[in-house]
Amino acid sequence: MANKARTAALAMAMLVTAATPAASDGREAIVLSVENLGGLPPHVLEAALQIAATPYDEIDVDLLWLPEGAAPSPERTGSFRLRVVLPGEATERAMLASGAPFNALAVARGSADVYIFCSRIASMARPLWISHATVLGRALAHEIGHQVLPGSGHTMNGIMNAILDYQTHKAPSFTGGQARSIQRLLLGQRTRP
């Protein structure tokens, strides 16, 4: 059993490392440690992580995915860090019962944690014939947005809309003002002593 868990952890580490966008010179970064406690299939997680990166890539921000316990490269140590948790179903039910909105697919908690409710996302995606990875990726991009746009809340359009559009081919984007706010926050994080 321990051997199976170790093999699965190693496979996830290789998968997440392979899904990590290459850092580009001059771009800010958000470093994510992903905890797949719910056992989401690696191919779904990989596709979701790539979808989540799209609106950030459009504003010249890298999303860097780290396996659990891994450290970012030395040039990225000052980057903004978040923990993304994909809880198991029991934890997900408990979180939803303790006050998460009845229709929430994910929540940003505290200043550095994002929780994604995978079973709820799967239940929503299935009857609409939308890929699980699309809904997961867009929900993840949205919740990361709450962490890098503190106090901004929801908007009338784009990736920060309270009701995300999962059916359009083109992923929703950040507004120009949101992009500038994110860049300022990330630059401040990197240059902080």
C-alpha atoms as a PDB file:
ATOM      1  CA  MET A   1       0.000   0.000   0.000  1.00  0.00           C
ATOM      2  CA  ALA A   2       2.773   2.470   0.949  1.00  0.00           C
ATOM      3  CA  ASN A   3       4.577   1.534  -2.278  1.00  0.00           C
ATOM      4  CA  LYS A   4       1.438   2.358  -4.303  1.00  0.00           C
ATOM      5  CA  ALA A   5       1.090   5.746  -2.568  1.00  0.00           C
ATOM      6  CA  ARG A   6       4.775   6.516  -3.158  1.00  0.00           C
ATOM      7  CA  THR A   7       4.450   5.581  -6.839  1.00  0.00           C
ATOM      8  CA  ALA A   8       1.343   7.767  -7.194  1.00  0.00           C
ATOM      9  CA  ALA A   9       3.118  10.698  -5.479  1.00  0.00           C
ATOM     10  CA  LEU A  10       6.134  10.311  -7.775  1.00  0.00           C
ATOM     11  CA  ALA A  11       3.886  10.155 -10.849  1.00  0.00           C
ATOM     12  CA  MET A  12       2.078  13.310  -9.704  1.00  0.00           C
ATOM     13  CA  ALA A  13       5.373  15.106  -9.086  1.00  0.00           C
ATOM     14  CA  MET A  14       6.537  14.226 -12.600  1.00  0.00           C
ATOM     15  CA  LEU A  15       3.164  15.238 -14.068  1.00  0.00           C
ATOM     16  CA  VAL A  16       3.005  18.564 -12.268  1.00  0.00           C
ATOM     17  CA  THR A  17       6.620  19.343 -13.135  1.00  0.00           C
ATOM     18  CA  ALA A  18       5.893  18.535 -16.785  1.00  0.00           C
ATOM     19  CA  ALA A  19       2.844  20.830 -16.705  1.00  0.00           C
ATOM     20  CA  THR A  20       4.864  23.723 -15.270  1.00  0.00           C
ATOM     21  CA  PRO A  21       5.177  26.532 -17.765  1.00  0.00           C
ATOM     22  CA  ALA A  22       8.761  27.565 -18.356  1.00  0.00           C
ATOM     23  CA  ALA A  23       9.599  30.731 -16.478  1.00  0.00           C
ATOM     24  CA  SER A  24      10.071  33.658 -18.808  1.00  0.00           C
ATOM     25  CA  ASP A  25      12.529  36.474 -18.139  1.00  0.00           C
ATOM     26  CA  GLY A  26      10.809  39.586 -16.877  1.00  0.00           C
ATOM     27  CA  ARG A  27       7.525  37.880 -15.996  1.00  0.00           C
ATOM     28  CA  GLU A  28       6.043  37.790 -12.538  1.00  0.00           C
ATOM     29  CA  ALA A  29       5.015  34.418 -11.097  1.00  0.00           C
ATOM     30  CA  ILE A  30       2.479  32.811  -8.821  1.00  0.00           C
ATOM     31  CA  VAL A  31       3.860  29.599  -7.338  1.00  0.00           C
ATOM     32  CA  LEU A  32       1.254  26.954  -6.535  1.00  0.00           C
ATOM     33  CA  SER A  33       1.709  23.861  -4.436  1.00  0.00           C
ATOM     34  CA  VAL A  34      -1.060  21.455  -5.400  1.00  0.00           C
ATOM     35  CA  GLU A  35      -2.365  18.939  -2.838  1.00  0.00           C
ATOM     36  CA  ASN A  36      -4.489  16.377  -4.672  1.00  0.00           C
ATOM     37  CA  LEU A  37      -6.055  14.802  -1.575  1.00  0.00           C
ATOM     38  CA  GLY A  38      -9.198  13.779  -3.466  1.00  0.00           C
ATOM     39  CA  GLY A  39      -7.309  11.619  -5.950  1.00  0.00           C
ATOM     40  CA  LEU A  40      -8.260  13.563  -9.083  1.00  0.00           C
ATOM     41  CA  PRO A  41      -6.928  11.660 -12.116  1.00  0.00           C
ATOM     42  CA  PRO A  42      -3.558  13.104 -13.181  1.00  0.00           C
ATOM     43  CA  HIS A  43      -4.642  13.735 -16.796  1.00  0.00           C
ATOM     44  CA  VAL A  44      -7.621  15.833 -15.604  1.00  0.00           C
ATOM     45  CA  LEU A  45      -5.426  17.790 -13.196  1.00  0.00           C
ATOM     46  CA  GLU A  46      -2.796  18.430 -15.876  1.00  0.00           C
ATOM     47  CA  ALA A  47      -5.402  19.725 -18.339  1.00  0.00           C
ATOM     48  CA  ALA A  48      -7.033  21.890 -15.638  1.00  0.00           C
ATOM     49  CA  LEU A  49      -3.711  23.432 -14.647  1.00  0.00           C
ATOM     50  CA  GLN A  50      -3.042  24.363 -18.281  1.00  0.00           C
ATOM     51  CA  ILE A  51      -6.523  25.911 -18.606  1.00  0.00           C
ATOM     52  CA  ALA A  52      -6.063  27.865 -15.348  1.00  0.00           C
ATOM     53  CA  ALA A  53      -2.799  29.324 -16.665  1.00  0.00           C
ATOM     54  CA  THR A  54      -4.442  30.882 -19.759  1.00  0.00           C
ATOM     55  CA  PRO A  55      -5.780  34.164 -18.285  1.00  0.00           C
ATOM     56  CA  TYR A  56      -2.529  34.641 -16.341  1.00  0.00           C
ATOM     57  CA  ASP A  57      -0.371  34.000 -19.399  1.00  0.00           C
ATOM     58  CA  GLU A  58      -2.352  36.719 -21.211  1.00  0.00           C
ATOM     59  CA  ILE A  59      -1.203  39.254 -18.588  1.00  0.00           C
ATOM     60  CA  ASP A  60       2.426  38.024 -18.586  1.00  0.00           C
ATOM     61  CA  VAL A  61       2.209  36.113 -15.300  1.00  0.00           C
ATOM     62  CA  ASP A  62       3.524  32.577 -14.964  1.00  0.00           C
ATOM     63  CA  LEU A  63       1.661  30.005 -12.877  1.00  0.00           C
ATOM     64  CA  LEU A  64       4.326  27.616 -11.608  1.00  0.00           C
ATOM     65  CA  TRP A  65       3.128  24.236 -10.302  1.00  0.00           C
ATOM     66  CA  LEU A  66       5.197  22.555  -7.607  1.00  0.00           C
ATOM     67  CA  PRO A  67       4.841  19.021  -6.298  1.00  0.00           C
ATOM     68  CA  GLU A  68       4.173  18.809  -2.560  1.00  0.00           C
ATOM     69  CA  GLY A  69       7.269  19.683  -0.553  1.00  0.00           C
ATOM     70  CA  ALA A  70       9.234  20.988  -3.548  1.00  0.00           C
ATOM     71  CA  ALA A  71      10.853  24.414  -3.405  1.00  0.00           C
ATOM     72  CA  PRO A  72      10.728  26.923  -6.245  1.00  0.00           C
ATOM     73  CA  SER A  73      13.900  27.617  -8.185  1.00  0.00           C
ATOM     74  CA  PRO A  74      16.171  30.205  -6.514  1.00  0.00           C
ATOM     75  CA  GLU A  75      15.142  32.960  -8.931  1.00  0.00           C
ATOM     76  CA  ARG A  76      11.466  32.377  -7.987  1.00  0.00           C
ATOM     77  CA  THR A  77      11.812  32.201  -4.186  1.00  0.00           C
ATOM     78  CA  GLY A  78      10.308  35.682  -3.716  1.00  0.00           C
ATOM     79  CA  SER A  79       7.280  34.875  -5.854  1.00  0.00           C
ATOM     80  CA  PHE A  80       3.700  34.940  -4.594  1.00  0.00           C
ATOM     81  CA  ARG A  81       2.905  31.501  -3.130  1.00  0.00           C
ATOM     82  CA  LEU A  82      -0.463  29.755  -2.860  1.00  0.00           C
ATOM     83  CA  ARG A  83      -1.577  26.317  -1.738  1.00  0.00           C
ATOM     84  CA  VAL A  84      -4.256  24.656  -3.892  1.00  0.00           C
ATOM     85  CA  VAL A  85      -6.126  21.876  -2.097  1.00  0.00           C
ATOM     86  CA  LEU A  86      -8.327  19.355  -3.878  1.00  0.00           C
ATOM     87  CA  PRO A  87      -9.936  17.802  -0.780  1.00  0.00           C
ATOM     88  CA  GLY A  88     -11.461  14.360  -0.508  1.00  0.00           C
ATOM     89  CA  GLU A  89     -15.264  14.094  -0.609  1.00  0.00           C
ATOM     90  CA  ALA A  90     -15.699  13.940   3.196  1.00  0.00           C
ATOM     91  CA  THR A  91     -13.659  17.121   3.722  1.00  0.00           C
ATOM     92  CA  GLU A  92     -15.458  18.782   0.822  1.00  0.00           C
ATOM     93  CA  ARG A  93     -18.869  17.973   2.381  1.00  0.00           C
ATOM     94  CA  ALA A  94     -17.727  19.285   5.762  1.00  0.00           C
ATOM     95  CA  MET A  95     -16.464  22.549   4.240  1.00  0.00           C
ATOM     96  CA  LEU A  96     -19.685  23.041   2.312  1.00  0.00           C
ATOM     97  CA  ALA A  97     -21.741  22.353   5.437  1.00  0.00           C
ATOM     98  CA  SER A  98     -19.704  24.878   7.422  1.00  0.00           C
ATOM     99  CA  GLY A  99     -20.697  27.895   5.399  1.00  0.00           C
ATOM    100  CA  ALA A 100     -19.425  27.786   1.818  1.00  0.00           C
ATOM    101  CA  PRO A 101     -22.040  29.166  -0.600  1.00  0.00           C
ATOM    102  CA  PHE A 102     -24.512  26.504  -1.742  1.00  0.00           C
ATOM    103  CA  ASN A 103     -23.357  26.755  -5.363  1.00  0.00           C
ATOM    104  CA  ALA A 104     -19.610  27.210  -4.741  1.00  0.00           C
ATOM    105  CA  LEU A 105     -17.251  25.190  -6.895  1.00  0.00           C
ATOM    106  CA  ALA A 106     -14.233  26.509  -5.021  1.00  0.00           C
ATOM    107  CA  VAL A 107     -13.298  28.946  -2.269  1.00  0.00           C
ATOM    108  CA  ALA A 108     -10.301  31.091  -1.431  1.00  0.00           C
ATOM    109  CA  ARG A 109      -9.586  30.793   2.292  1.00  0.00           C
ATOM    110  CA  GLY A 110      -7.178  32.923   4.264  1.00  0.00           C
ATOM    111  CA  SER A 111      -4.419  34.669   2.399  1.00  0.00           C
ATOM    112  CA  ALA A 112      -2.762  31.717   0.734  1.00  0.00           C
ATOM    113  CA  ASP A 113      -5.189  28.784   0.341  1.00  0.00           C
ATOM    114  CA  VAL A 114      -7.559  27.822  -2.456  1.00  0.00           C
ATOM    115  CA  TYR A 115      -9.925  24.850  -2.087  1.00  0.00           C
ATOM    116  CA  ILE A 116     -11.444  23.273  -5.201  1.00  0.00           C
ATOM    117  CA  PHE A 117     -14.552  21.085  -4.816  1.00  0.00           C
ATOM    118  CA  CYS A 118     -13.855  18.439  -7.459  1.00  0.00           C
ATOM    119  CA  SER A 119     -16.927  16.263  -6.889  1.00  0.00           C
ATOM    120  CA  ARG A 120     -19.198  19.301  -7.175  1.00  0.00           C
ATOM    121  CA  ILE A 121     -17.350  20.372 -10.355  1.00  0.00           C
ATOM    122  CA  ALA A 122     -17.761  16.886 -11.845  1.00  0.00           C
ATOM    123  CA  SER A 123     -21.483  16.917 -11.008  1.00  0.00           C
ATOM    124  CA  MET A 124     -21.924  20.265 -12.719  1.00  0.00           C
ATOM    125  CA  ALA A 125     -19.841  19.474 -15.798  1.00  0.00           C
ATOM    126  CA  ARG A 126     -21.383  16.086 -16.603  1.00  0.00           C
ATOM    127  CA  PRO A 127     -24.968  17.123 -17.499  1.00  0.00           C
ATOM    128  CA  LEU A 128     -23.763  20.161 -19.451  1.00  0.00           C
ATOM    129  CA  TRP A 129     -21.336  18.079 -21.525  1.00  0.00           C
ATOM    130  CA  ILE A 130     -18.472  20.328 -20.479  1.00  0.00           C
ATOM    131  CA  SER A 131     -15.058  18.872 -19.789  1.00  0.00           C
ATOM    132  CA  HIS A 132     -14.288  18.404 -16.102  1.00  0.00           C
ATOM    133  CA  ALA A 133     -10.865  19.981 -16.739  1.00  0.00           C
ATOM    134  CA  THR A 134     -12.428  23.125 -18.268  1.00  0.00           C
ATOM    135  CA  VAL A 135     -14.666  23.769 -15.274  1.00  0.00           C
ATOM    136  CA  LEU A 136     -11.878  22.921 -12.822  1.00  0.00           C
ATOM    137  CA  GLY A 137      -9.325  25.099 -14.636  1.00  0.00           C
ATOM    138  CA  ARG A 138     -11.579  28.138 -14.883  1.00  0.00           C
ATOM    139  CA  ALA A 139     -12.714  27.785 -11.258  1.00  0.00           C
ATOM    140  CA  LEU A 140      -9.069  27.546 -10.205  1.00  0.00           C
ATOM    141  CA  ALA A 141      -8.094  30.638 -12.242  1.00  0.00           C
ATOM    142  CA  HIS A 142     -11.025  32.526 -10.651  1.00  0.00           C
ATOM    143  CA  GLU A 143     -10.099  31.570  -7.070  1.00  0.00           C
ATOM    144  CA  ILE A 144      -6.425  32.408  -7.603  1.00  0.00           C
ATOM    145  CA  GLY A 145      -7.741  35.746  -8.861  1.00  0.00           C
ATOM    146  CA  HIS A 146      -9.427  36.332  -5.493  1.00  0.00           C
ATOM    147  CA  GLN A 147      -6.061  35.800  -3.796  1.00  0.00           C
ATOM    148  CA  VAL A 148      -4.123  38.181  -6.069  1.00  0.00           C
ATOM    149  CA  LEU A 149      -6.927  40.780  -6.191  1.00  0.00           C
ATOM    150  CA  PRO A 150      -7.704  41.017  -2.465  1.00  0.00           C
ATOM    151  CA  GLY A 151     -10.790  43.042  -1.687  1.00  0.00           C
ATOM    152  CA  SER A 152     -11.831  43.341  -5.333  1.00  0.00           C
ATOM    153  CA  GLY A 153     -14.642  40.780  -5.299  1.00  0.00           C
ATOM    154  CA  HIS A 154     -16.564  39.846  -8.416  1.00  0.00           C
ATOM    155  CA  THR A 155     -16.952  41.754 -11.672  1.00  0.00           C
ATOM    156  CA  MET A 156     -19.660  41.918 -14.324  1.00  0.00           C
ATOM    157  CA  ASN A 157     -17.503  40.113 -16.901  1.00  0.00           C
ATOM    158  CA  GLY A 158     -14.265  38.226 -17.387  1.00  0.00           C
ATOM    159  CA  ILE A 159     -12.625  35.588 -15.235  1.00  0.00           C
ATOM    160  CA  MET A 160     -13.718  37.338 -12.021  1.00  0.00           C
ATOM    161  CA  ASN A 161     -17.438  37.223 -12.902  1.00  0.00           C
ATOM    162  CA  ALA A 162     -19.424  35.552 -10.104  1.00  0.00           C
ATOM    163  CA  ILE A 163     -21.011  33.284 -12.734  1.00  0.00           C
ATOM    164  CA  LEU A 164     -18.260  31.927 -14.927  1.00  0.00           C
ATOM    165  CA  ASP A 165     -18.876  30.964 -18.534  1.00  0.00           C
ATOM    166  CA  TYR A 166     -17.668  27.401 -18.978  1.00  0.00           C
ATOM    167  CA  GLN A 167     -19.120  26.812 -22.430  1.00  0.00           C
ATOM    168  CA  THR A 168     -17.273  29.341 -24.575  1.00  0.00           C
ATOM    169  CA  HIS A 169     -14.142  28.140 -26.291  1.00  0.00           C
ATOM    170  CA  LYS A 170     -12.086  31.217 -25.357  1.00  0.00           C
ATOM    171  CA  ALA A 171     -11.340  31.444 -21.656  1.00  0.00           C
ATOM    172  CA  PRO A 172     -12.479  34.593 -19.842  1.00  0.00           C
ATOM    173  CA  SER A 173      -9.718  37.155 -19.187  1.00  0.00           C
ATOM    174  CA  PHE A 174      -8.765  39.765 -16.626  1.00  0.00           C
ATOM    175  CA  THR A 175      -9.632  43.408 -17.280  1.00  0.00           C
ATOM    176  CA  GLY A 176      -6.803  45.880 -17.885  1.00  0.00           C
ATOM    177  CA  GLY A 177      -7.222  47.295 -14.380  1.00  0.00           C
ATOM    178  CA  GLN A 178      -7.119  43.822 -12.837  1.00  0.00           C
ATOM    179  CA  ALA A 179      -3.985  42.968 -14.832  1.00  0.00           C
ATOM    180  CA  ARG A 180      -2.234  46.123 -13.551  1.00  0.00           C
ATOM    181  CA  SER A 181      -3.298  45.374  -9.951  1.00  0.00           C
ATOM    182  CA  ILE A 182      -1.989  41.805 -10.167  1.00  0.00           C
ATOM    183  CA  GLN A 183       1.314  42.971 -11.675  1.00  0.00           C
ATOM    184  CA  ARG A 184       1.749  45.575  -8.878  1.00  0.00           C
ATOM    185  CA  LEU A 185       1.012  42.997  -6.176  1.00  0.00           C
ATOM    186  CA  LEU A 186       3.418  40.448  -7.630  1.00  0.00           C
ATOM    187  CA  LEU A 187       6.169  43.021  -8.204  1.00  0.00           C
ATOM    188  CA  GLY A 188       5.785  44.173  -4.590  1.00  0.00           C
ATOM    189  CA  GLN A 189       5.976  40.563  -3.385  1.00  0.00           C
ATOM    190  CA  ARG A 190       9.167  39.917  -5.349  1.00  0.00           C
ATOM    191  CA  THR A 191      10.945  43.102  -4.274  1.00  0.00           C
ATOM    192  CA  ARG A 192       9.958  42.893  -0.608  1.00  0.00           C
ATOM    193  CA  PRO A 193      13.076  42.510   1.623  1.00  0.00           C
END
